[in-house]
Amino acid sequence: MPDQPPHDPFELFRRLWGPLGVPIPGMAIPTLDPKEVEKRINDLRSIEGWLSMNLNMVKFSIQGLELQRATLQAMRDATEPPPPPSKK
């Protein structure tokens, strides 16, 4: 069995949006073929799922970093000596 290239997760994007980052003409022109419409819907749902998954990963990364920041600040506050009393 010949080696297959690794799966490119962006292949679907490239096919749908073309090499220049603009929609290919078929995406802007409506089609009368129900199979083609169904295929486009399925392709876009796949992209939507991929984007949602990545958005959730970014949100979890942000939450993790915020928790890390709060933990570091709490550790810093616990190890710093208290400020000297102010004289009035």
PDB file of N, CA and C in Angstrom:
ATOM      1  N   MET A   1       0.842  -1.181   0.000  1.00  0.00           N
ATOM      2  CA  MET A   1       0.000   0.000   0.000  1.00  0.00           C
ATOM      3  C   MET A   1       0.884   1.240   0.000  1.00  0.00           C
ATOM      4  N   PRO A   2       0.708   2.161  -0.966  1.00  0.00           N
ATOM      5  CA  PRO A   2       1.550   3.355  -1.008  1.00  0.00           C
ATOM      6  C   PRO A   2       1.235   4.291   0.147  1.00  0.00           C
ATOM      7  N   ASP A   3       2.268   5.052   0.509  1.00  0.00           N
ATOM      8  CA  ASP A   3       2.070   6.031   1.588  1.00  0.00           C
ATOM      9  C   ASP A   3       1.115   7.116   1.121  1.00  0.00           C
ATOM     10  N   GLN A   4       0.184   7.449   1.985  1.00  0.00           N
ATOM     11  CA  GLN A   4      -0.757   8.514   1.677  1.00  0.00           C
ATOM     12  C   GLN A   4      -0.308   9.774   2.396  1.00  0.00           C
ATOM     13  N   PRO A   5      -0.452  10.930   1.748  1.00  0.00           N
ATOM     14  CA  PRO A   5      -0.065  12.162   2.454  1.00  0.00           C
ATOM     15  C   PRO A   5      -0.971  12.380   3.648  1.00  0.00           C
ATOM     16  N   PRO A   6      -0.462  13.070   4.665  1.00  0.00           N
ATOM     17  CA  PRO A   6      -1.299  13.331   5.841  1.00  0.00           C
ATOM     18  C   PRO A   6      -2.522  14.144   5.453  1.00  0.00           C
ATOM     19  N   HIS A   7      -3.597  13.928   6.184  1.00  0.00           N
ATOM     20  CA  HIS A   7      -4.847  14.646   5.909  1.00  0.00           C
ATOM     21  C   HIS A   7      -4.673  16.119   6.229  1.00  0.00           C
ATOM     22  N   ASP A   8      -5.017  16.939   5.281  1.00  0.00           N
ATOM     23  CA  ASP A   8      -4.911  18.389   5.450  1.00  0.00           C
ATOM     24  C   ASP A   8      -6.259  18.930   5.905  1.00  0.00           C
ATOM     25  N   PRO A   9      -6.370  19.428   7.149  1.00  0.00           N
ATOM     26  CA  PRO A   9      -7.672  19.918   7.634  1.00  0.00           C
ATOM     27  C   PRO A   9      -8.165  21.146   6.883  1.00  0.00           C
ATOM     28  N   PHE A  10      -7.287  21.825   6.158  1.00  0.00           N
ATOM     29  CA  PHE A  10      -7.685  23.029   5.437  1.00  0.00           C
ATOM     30  C   PHE A  10      -8.070  22.753   3.984  1.00  0.00           C
ATOM     31  N   GLU A  11      -8.002  21.497   3.577  1.00  0.00           N
ATOM     32  CA  GLU A  11      -8.326  21.160   2.188  1.00  0.00           C
ATOM     33  C   GLU A  11      -9.747  21.600   1.827  1.00  0.00           C
ATOM     34  N   LEU A  12     -10.686  21.357   2.715  1.00  0.00           N
ATOM     35  CA  LEU A  12     -12.071  21.736   2.453  1.00  0.00           C
ATOM     36  C   LEU A  12     -12.198  23.250   2.296  1.00  0.00           C
ATOM     37  N   PHE A  13     -11.467  24.016   3.136  1.00  0.00           N
ATOM     38  CA  PHE A  13     -11.477  25.473   2.997  1.00  0.00           C
ATOM     39  C   PHE A  13     -10.962  25.876   1.621  1.00  0.00           C
ATOM     40  N   ARG A  14      -9.858  25.278   1.224  1.00  0.00           N
ATOM     41  CA  ARG A  14      -9.270  25.644  -0.063  1.00  0.00           C
ATOM     42  C   ARG A  14     -10.204  25.331  -1.221  1.00  0.00           C
ATOM     43  N   ARG A  15     -10.869  24.201  -1.133  1.00  0.00           N
ATOM     44  CA  ARG A  15     -11.802  23.845  -2.210  1.00  0.00           C
ATOM     45  C   ARG A  15     -12.981  24.808  -2.243  1.00  0.00           C
ATOM     46  N   LEU A  16     -13.508  25.183  -1.072  1.00  0.00           N
ATOM     47  CA  LEU A  16     -14.674  26.053  -1.035  1.00  0.00           C
ATOM     48  C   LEU A  16     -14.343  27.502  -1.365  1.00  0.00           C
ATOM     49  N   TRP A  17     -13.222  27.987  -0.887  1.00  0.00           N
ATOM     50  CA  TRP A  17     -12.935  29.415  -0.991  1.00  0.00           C
ATOM     51  C   TRP A  17     -11.902  29.746  -2.055  1.00  0.00           C
ATOM     52  N   GLY A  18     -11.288  28.755  -2.654  1.00  0.00           N
ATOM     53  CA  GLY A  18     -10.343  29.013  -3.730  1.00  0.00           C
ATOM     54  C   GLY A  18      -8.995  29.495  -3.208  1.00  0.00           C
ATOM     55  N   PRO A  19      -8.008  29.568  -4.087  1.00  0.00           N
ATOM     56  CA  PRO A  19      -6.644  29.901  -3.661  1.00  0.00           C
ATOM     57  C   PRO A  19      -6.448  31.366  -3.277  1.00  0.00           C
ATOM     58  N   LEU A  20      -7.331  32.252  -3.688  1.00  0.00           N
ATOM     59  CA  LEU A  20      -7.137  33.671  -3.412  1.00  0.00           C
ATOM     60  C   LEU A  20      -7.886  34.152  -2.177  1.00  0.00           C
ATOM     61  N   GLY A  21      -8.561  33.258  -1.490  1.00  0.00           N
ATOM     62  CA  GLY A  21      -9.281  33.650  -0.287  1.00  0.00           C
ATOM     63  C   GLY A  21     -10.631  34.272  -0.576  1.00  0.00           C
ATOM     64  N   VAL A  22     -11.098  34.150  -1.799  1.00  0.00           N
ATOM     65  CA  VAL A  22     -12.418  34.673  -2.158  1.00  0.00           C
ATOM     66  C   VAL A  22     -13.280  33.507  -2.600  1.00  0.00           C
ATOM     67  N   PRO A  23     -14.573  33.609  -2.427  1.00  0.00           N
ATOM     68  CA  PRO A  23     -15.443  32.507  -2.826  1.00  0.00           C
ATOM     69  C   PRO A  23     -15.308  32.197  -4.311  1.00  0.00           C
ATOM     70  N   ILE A  24     -15.291  30.925  -4.624  1.00  0.00           N
ATOM     71  CA  ILE A  24     -15.262  30.541  -6.027  1.00  0.00           C
ATOM     72  C   ILE A  24     -16.622  30.836  -6.627  1.00  0.00           C
ATOM     73  N   PRO A  25     -16.710  31.041  -7.922  1.00  0.00           N
ATOM     74  CA  PRO A  25     -17.978  31.446  -8.526  1.00  0.00           C
ATOM     75  C   PRO A  25     -19.148  30.516  -8.208  1.00  0.00           C
ATOM     76  N   GLY A  26     -18.908  29.243  -8.078  1.00  0.00           N
ATOM     77  CA  GLY A  26     -19.986  28.299  -7.795  1.00  0.00           C
ATOM     78  C   GLY A  26     -20.667  28.538  -6.466  1.00  0.00           C
ATOM     79  N   MET A  27     -19.955  29.195  -5.531  1.00  0.00           N
ATOM     80  CA  MET A  27     -20.547  29.462  -4.221  1.00  0.00           C
ATOM     81  C   MET A  27     -21.487  30.660  -4.292  1.00  0.00           C
ATOM     82  N   ALA A  28     -21.256  31.558  -5.236  1.00  0.00           N
ATOM     83  CA  ALA A  28     -22.079  32.758  -5.320  1.00  0.00           C
ATOM     84  C   ALA A  28     -23.276  32.566  -6.243  1.00  0.00           C
ATOM     85  N   ILE A  29     -23.156  31.631  -7.178  1.00  0.00           N
ATOM     86  CA  ILE A  29     -24.224  31.402  -8.144  1.00  0.00           C
ATOM     87  C   ILE A  29     -25.087  30.245  -7.653  1.00  0.00           C
ATOM     88  N   PRO A  30     -26.354  30.456  -7.474  1.00  0.00           N
ATOM     89  CA  PRO A  30     -27.214  29.368  -7.015  1.00  0.00           C
ATOM     90  C   PRO A  30     -27.264  28.238  -8.046  1.00  0.00           C
ATOM     91  N   THR A  31     -27.443  27.045  -7.559  1.00  0.00           N
ATOM     92  CA  THR A  31     -27.542  25.885  -8.431  1.00  0.00           C
ATOM     93  C   THR A  31     -28.946  25.305  -8.336  1.00  0.00           C
ATOM     94  N   LEU A  32     -29.347  24.654  -9.379  1.00  0.00           N
ATOM     95  CA  LEU A  32     -30.663  24.010  -9.395  1.00  0.00           C
ATOM     96  C   LEU A  32     -30.555  22.522  -9.098  1.00  0.00           C
ATOM     97  N   ASP A  33     -29.326  22.049  -8.886  1.00  0.00           N
ATOM     98  CA  ASP A  33     -29.106  20.629  -8.605  1.00  0.00           C
ATOM     99  C   ASP A  33     -29.229  20.385  -7.098  1.00  0.00           C
ATOM    100  N   PRO A  34     -30.269  19.654  -6.668  1.00  0.00           N
ATOM    101  CA  PRO A  34     -30.449  19.418  -5.221  1.00  0.00           C
ATOM    102  C   PRO A  34     -29.271  18.680  -4.590  1.00  0.00           C
ATOM    103  N   LYS A  35     -28.616  17.811  -5.339  1.00  0.00           N
ATOM    104  CA  LYS A  35     -27.464  17.081  -4.786  1.00  0.00           C
ATOM    105  C   LYS A  35     -26.311  18.039  -4.508  1.00  0.00           C
ATOM    106  N   GLU A  36     -26.109  18.990  -5.403  1.00  0.00           N
ATOM    107  CA  GLU A  36     -25.042  19.968  -5.202  1.00  0.00           C
ATOM    108  C   GLU A  36     -25.351  20.859  -4.002  1.00  0.00           C
ATOM    109  N   VAL A  37     -26.601  21.265  -3.858  1.00  0.00           N
ATOM    110  CA  VAL A  37     -27.005  22.075  -2.707  1.00  0.00           C
ATOM    111  C   VAL A  37     -26.771  21.292  -1.419  1.00  0.00           C
ATOM    112  N   GLU A  38     -27.147  20.045  -1.399  1.00  0.00           N
ATOM    113  CA  GLU A  38     -26.948  19.199  -0.209  1.00  0.00           C
ATOM    114  C   GLU A  38     -25.465  19.041   0.098  1.00  0.00           C
ATOM    115  N   LYS A  39     -24.653  18.865  -0.941  1.00  0.00           N
ATOM    116  CA  LYS A  39     -23.206  18.734  -0.749  1.00  0.00           C
ATOM    117  C   LYS A  39     -22.636  20.016  -0.140  1.00  0.00           C
ATOM    118  N   ARG A  40     -23.059  21.172  -0.646  1.00  0.00           N
ATOM    119  CA  ARG A  40     -22.570  22.451  -0.116  1.00  0.00           C
ATOM    120  C   ARG A  40     -22.985  22.632   1.340  1.00  0.00           C
ATOM    121  N   ILE A  41     -24.213  22.266   1.653  1.00  0.00           N
ATOM    122  CA  ILE A  41     -24.689  22.367   3.040  1.00  0.00           C
ATOM    123  C   ILE A  41     -23.834  21.491   3.942  1.00  0.00           C
ATOM    124  N   ASN A  42     -23.587  20.254   3.518  1.00  0.00           N
ATOM    125  CA  ASN A  42     -22.774  19.338   4.325  1.00  0.00           C
ATOM    126  C   ASN A  42     -21.345  19.845   4.483  1.00  0.00           C
ATOM    127  N   ASP A  43     -20.774  20.380   3.398  1.00  0.00           N
ATOM    128  CA  ASP A  43     -19.420  20.930   3.484  1.00  0.00           C
ATOM    129  C   ASP A  43     -19.365  22.092   4.471  1.00  0.00           C
ATOM    130  N   LEU A  44     -20.337  22.983   4.381  1.00  0.00           N
ATOM    131  CA  LEU A  44     -20.344  24.143   5.278  1.00  0.00           C
ATOM    132  C   LEU A  44     -20.621  23.745   6.727  1.00  0.00           C
ATOM    133  N   ARG A  45     -21.436  22.718   6.936  1.00  0.00           N
ATOM    134  CA  ARG A  45     -21.656  22.229   8.307  1.00  0.00           C
ATOM    135  C   ARG A  45     -20.370  21.635   8.880  1.00  0.00           C
ATOM    136  N   SER A  46     -19.592  20.970   8.024  1.00  0.00           N
ATOM    137  CA  SER A  46     -18.300  20.434   8.477  1.00  0.00           C
ATOM    138  C   SER A  46     -17.379  21.565   8.897  1.00  0.00           C
ATOM    139  N   ILE A  47     -17.339  22.616   8.103  1.00  0.00           N
ATOM    140  CA  ILE A  47     -16.509  23.773   8.434  1.00  0.00           C
ATOM    141  C   ILE A  47     -17.003  24.424   9.714  1.00  0.00           C
ATOM    142  N   GLU A  48     -18.319  24.552   9.844  1.00  0.00           N
ATOM    143  CA  GLU A  48     -18.900  25.148  11.053  1.00  0.00           C
ATOM    144  C   GLU A  48     -18.502  24.338  12.290  1.00  0.00           C
ATOM    145  N   GLY A  49     -18.558  23.021  12.188  1.00  0.00           N
ATOM    146  CA  GLY A  49     -18.162  22.174  13.313  1.00  0.00           C
ATOM    147  C   GLY A  49     -16.696  22.343  13.660  1.00  0.00           C
ATOM    148  N   TRP A  50     -15.855  22.412  12.615  1.00  0.00           N
ATOM    149  CA  TRP A  50     -14.418  22.580  12.835  1.00  0.00           C
ATOM    150  C   TRP A  50     -14.141  23.928  13.498  1.00  0.00           C
ATOM    151  N   LEU A  51     -14.804  24.976  13.009  1.00  0.00           N
ATOM    152  CA  LEU A  51     -14.609  26.302  13.593  1.00  0.00           C
ATOM    153  C   LEU A  51     -15.109  26.358  15.038  1.00  0.00           C
ATOM    154  N   SER A  52     -16.240  25.727  15.307  1.00  0.00           N
ATOM    155  CA  SER A  52     -16.777  25.698  16.678  1.00  0.00           C
ATOM    156  C   SER A  52     -15.819  24.987  17.621  1.00  0.00           C
ATOM    157  N   MET A  53     -15.252  23.869  17.146  1.00  0.00           N
ATOM    158  CA  MET A  53     -14.308  23.127  17.968  1.00  0.00           C
ATOM    159  C   MET A  53     -13.090  23.996  18.277  1.00  0.00           C
ATOM    160  N   ASN A  54     -12.581  24.684  17.284  1.00  0.00           N
ATOM    161  CA  ASN A  54     -11.412  25.537  17.486  1.00  0.00           C
ATOM    162  C   ASN A  54     -11.741  26.735  18.371  1.00  0.00           C
ATOM    163  N   LEU A  55     -12.929  27.295  18.227  1.00  0.00           N
ATOM    164  CA  LEU A  55     -13.339  28.399  19.096  1.00  0.00           C
ATOM    165  C   LEU A  55     -13.381  27.931  20.548  1.00  0.00           C
ATOM    166  N   ASN A  56     -13.927  26.745  20.781  1.00  0.00           N
ATOM    167  CA  ASN A  56     -13.976  26.219  22.149  1.00  0.00           C
ATOM    168  C   ASN A  56     -12.572  25.990  22.694  1.00  0.00           C
ATOM    169  N   MET A  57     -11.648  25.514  21.845  1.00  0.00           N
ATOM    170  CA  MET A  57     -10.275  25.301  22.306  1.00  0.00           C
ATOM    171  C   MET A  57      -9.627  26.628  22.686  1.00  0.00           C
ATOM    172  N   VAL A  58      -9.895  27.683  21.923  1.00  0.00           N
ATOM    173  CA  VAL A  58      -9.350  29.002  22.239  1.00  0.00           C
ATOM    174  C   VAL A  58      -9.947  29.508  23.556  1.00  0.00           C
ATOM    175  N   LYS A  59     -11.264  29.337  23.740  1.00  0.00           N
ATOM    176  CA  LYS A  59     -11.901  29.768  24.988  1.00  0.00           C
ATOM    177  C   LYS A  59     -11.312  29.042  26.187  1.00  0.00           C
ATOM    178  N   PHE A  60     -11.095  27.718  26.063  1.00  0.00           N
ATOM    179  CA  PHE A  60     -10.516  26.951  27.169  1.00  0.00           C
ATOM    180  C   PHE A  60      -9.080  27.395  27.439  1.00  0.00           C
ATOM    181  N   SER A  61      -8.339  27.724  26.393  1.00  0.00           N
ATOM    182  CA  SER A  61      -6.969  28.203  26.584  1.00  0.00           C
ATOM    183  C   SER A  61      -6.967  29.527  27.333  1.00  0.00           C
ATOM    184  N   ILE A  62      -7.863  30.417  26.967  1.00  0.00           N
ATOM    185  CA  ILE A  62      -7.967  31.714  27.652  1.00  0.00           C
ATOM    186  C   ILE A  62      -8.330  31.507  29.113  1.00  0.00           C
ATOM    187  N   GLN A  63      -9.308  30.644  29.382  1.00  0.00           N
ATOM    188  CA  GLN A  63      -9.711  30.381  30.764  1.00  0.00           C
ATOM    189  C   GLN A  63      -8.565  29.785  31.569  1.00  0.00           C
ATOM    190  N   GLY A  64      -7.819  28.884  30.946  1.00  0.00           N
ATOM    191  CA  GLY A  64      -6.677  28.283  31.633  1.00  0.00           C
ATOM    192  C   GLY A  64      -5.612  29.308  31.969  1.00  0.00           C
ATOM    193  N   LEU A  65      -5.346  30.216  31.034  1.00  0.00           N
ATOM    194  CA  LEU A  65      -4.355  31.263  31.282  1.00  0.00           C
ATOM    195  C   LEU A  65      -4.842  32.257  32.331  1.00  0.00           C
ATOM    196  N   GLU A  66      -6.124  32.571  32.336  1.00  0.00           N
ATOM    197  CA  GLU A  66      -6.664  33.455  33.367  1.00  0.00           C
ATOM    198  C   GLU A  66      -6.556  32.814  34.744  1.00  0.00           C
ATOM    199  N   LEU A  67      -6.813  31.528  34.823  1.00  0.00           N
ATOM    200  CA  LEU A  67      -6.668  30.813  36.091  1.00  0.00           C
ATOM    201  C   LEU A  67      -5.212  30.802  36.530  1.00  0.00           C
ATOM    202  N   GLN A  68      -4.315  30.579  35.571  1.00  0.00           N
ATOM    203  CA  GLN A  68      -2.885  30.594  35.885  1.00  0.00           C
ATOM    204  C   GLN A  68      -2.466  31.973  36.383  1.00  0.00           C
ATOM    205  N   ARG A  69      -2.956  33.033  35.746  1.00  0.00           N
ATOM    206  CA  ARG A  69      -2.638  34.400  36.164  1.00  0.00           C
ATOM    207  C   ARG A  69      -3.133  34.652  37.585  1.00  0.00           C
ATOM    208  N   ALA A  70      -4.360  34.231  37.887  1.00  0.00           N
ATOM    209  CA  ALA A  70      -4.913  34.430  39.232  1.00  0.00           C
ATOM    210  C   ALA A  70      -4.112  33.651  40.267  1.00  0.00           C
ATOM    211  N   THR A  71      -3.697  32.444  39.920  1.00  0.00           N
ATOM    212  CA  THR A  71      -2.904  31.629  40.846  1.00  0.00           C
ATOM    213  C   THR A  71      -1.561  32.283  41.112  1.00  0.00           C
ATOM    214  N   LEU A  72      -0.911  32.764  40.058  1.00  0.00           N
ATOM    215  CA  LEU A  72       0.389  33.430  40.237  1.00  0.00           C
ATOM    216  C   LEU A  72       0.251  34.690  41.086  1.00  0.00           C
ATOM    217  N   GLN A  73      -0.816  35.445  40.853  1.00  0.00           N
ATOM    218  CA  GLN A  73      -1.035  36.663  41.642  1.00  0.00           C
ATOM    219  C   GLN A  73      -1.285  36.317  43.114  1.00  0.00           C
ATOM    220  N   ALA A  74      -2.053  35.258  43.369  1.00  0.00           N
ATOM    221  CA  ALA A  74      -2.313  34.842  44.749  1.00  0.00           C
ATOM    222  C   ALA A  74      -1.027  34.395  45.429  1.00  0.00           C
ATOM    223  N   MET A  75      -0.178  33.671  44.685  1.00  0.00           N
ATOM    224  CA  MET A  75       1.100  33.232  45.258  1.00  0.00           C
ATOM    225  C   MET A  75       1.999  34.438  45.540  1.00  0.00           C
ATOM    226  N   ARG A  76       2.003  35.392  44.627  1.00  0.00           N
ATOM    227  CA  ARG A  76       2.812  36.597  44.805  1.00  0.00           C
ATOM    228  C   ARG A  76       2.313  37.388  46.011  1.00  0.00           C
ATOM    229  N   ASP A  77       1.000  37.521  46.147  1.00  0.00           N
ATOM    230  CA  ASP A  77       0.431  38.260  47.277  1.00  0.00           C
ATOM    231  C   ASP A  77       0.734  37.564  48.599  1.00  0.00           C
ATOM    232  N   ALA A  78       0.756  36.235  48.597  1.00  0.00           N
ATOM    233  CA  ALA A  78       1.003  35.490  49.829  1.00  0.00           C
ATOM    234  C   ALA A  78       2.462  35.572  50.268  1.00  0.00           C
ATOM    235  N   THR A  79       3.380  35.781  49.320  1.00  0.00           N
ATOM    236  CA  THR A  79       4.802  35.785  49.681  1.00  0.00           C
ATOM    237  C   THR A  79       5.358  37.186  49.892  1.00  0.00           C
ATOM    238  N   GLU A  80       4.625  38.212  49.475  1.00  0.00           N
ATOM    239  CA  GLU A  80       5.103  39.581  49.680  1.00  0.00           C
ATOM    240  C   GLU A  80       4.882  39.994  51.133  1.00  0.00           C
ATOM    241  N   PRO A  81       5.841  40.729  51.683  1.00  0.00           N
ATOM    242  CA  PRO A  81       5.631  41.219  53.056  1.00  0.00           C
ATOM    243  C   PRO A  81       4.524  42.272  53.059  1.00  0.00           C
ATOM    244  N   PRO A  82       3.843  42.385  54.144  1.00  0.00           N
ATOM    245  CA  PRO A  82       2.762  43.390  54.207  1.00  0.00           C
ATOM    246  C   PRO A  82       3.358  44.788  54.107  1.00  0.00           C
ATOM    247  N   PRO A  83       2.631  45.704  53.548  1.00  0.00           N
ATOM    248  CA  PRO A  83       3.151  47.086  53.428  1.00  0.00           C
ATOM    249  C   PRO A  83       3.286  47.714  54.826  1.00  0.00           C
ATOM    250  N   PRO A  84       4.260  48.590  54.988  1.00  0.00           N
ATOM    251  CA  PRO A  84       4.435  49.237  56.309  1.00  0.00           C
ATOM    252  C   PRO A  84       3.239  50.118  56.612  1.00  0.00           C
ATOM    253  N   PRO A  85       2.904  50.225  57.883  1.00  0.00           N
ATOM    254  CA  PRO A  85       1.768  51.087  58.260  1.00  0.00           C
ATOM    255  C   PRO A  85       2.073  52.539  57.875  1.00  0.00           C
ATOM    256  N   SER A  86       1.096  53.190  57.391  1.00  0.00           N
ATOM    257  CA  SER A  86       1.305  54.604  57.006  1.00  0.00           C
ATOM    258  C   SER A  86       1.192  55.491  58.241  1.00  0.00           C
ATOM    259  N   LYS A  87       2.010  56.535  58.260  1.00  0.00           N
ATOM    260  CA  LYS A  87       1.998  57.486  59.388  1.00  0.00           C
ATOM    261  C   LYS A  87       1.136  58.663  58.980  1.00  0.00           C
ATOM    262  N   LYS A  88       0.294  59.083  59.862  1.00  0.00           N
ATOM    263  CA  LYS A  88      -0.580  60.233  59.614  1.00  0.00           C
ATOM    264  C   LYS A  88      -0.158  61.405  60.411  1.00  0.00           C
TER     265      LYS A  88
END
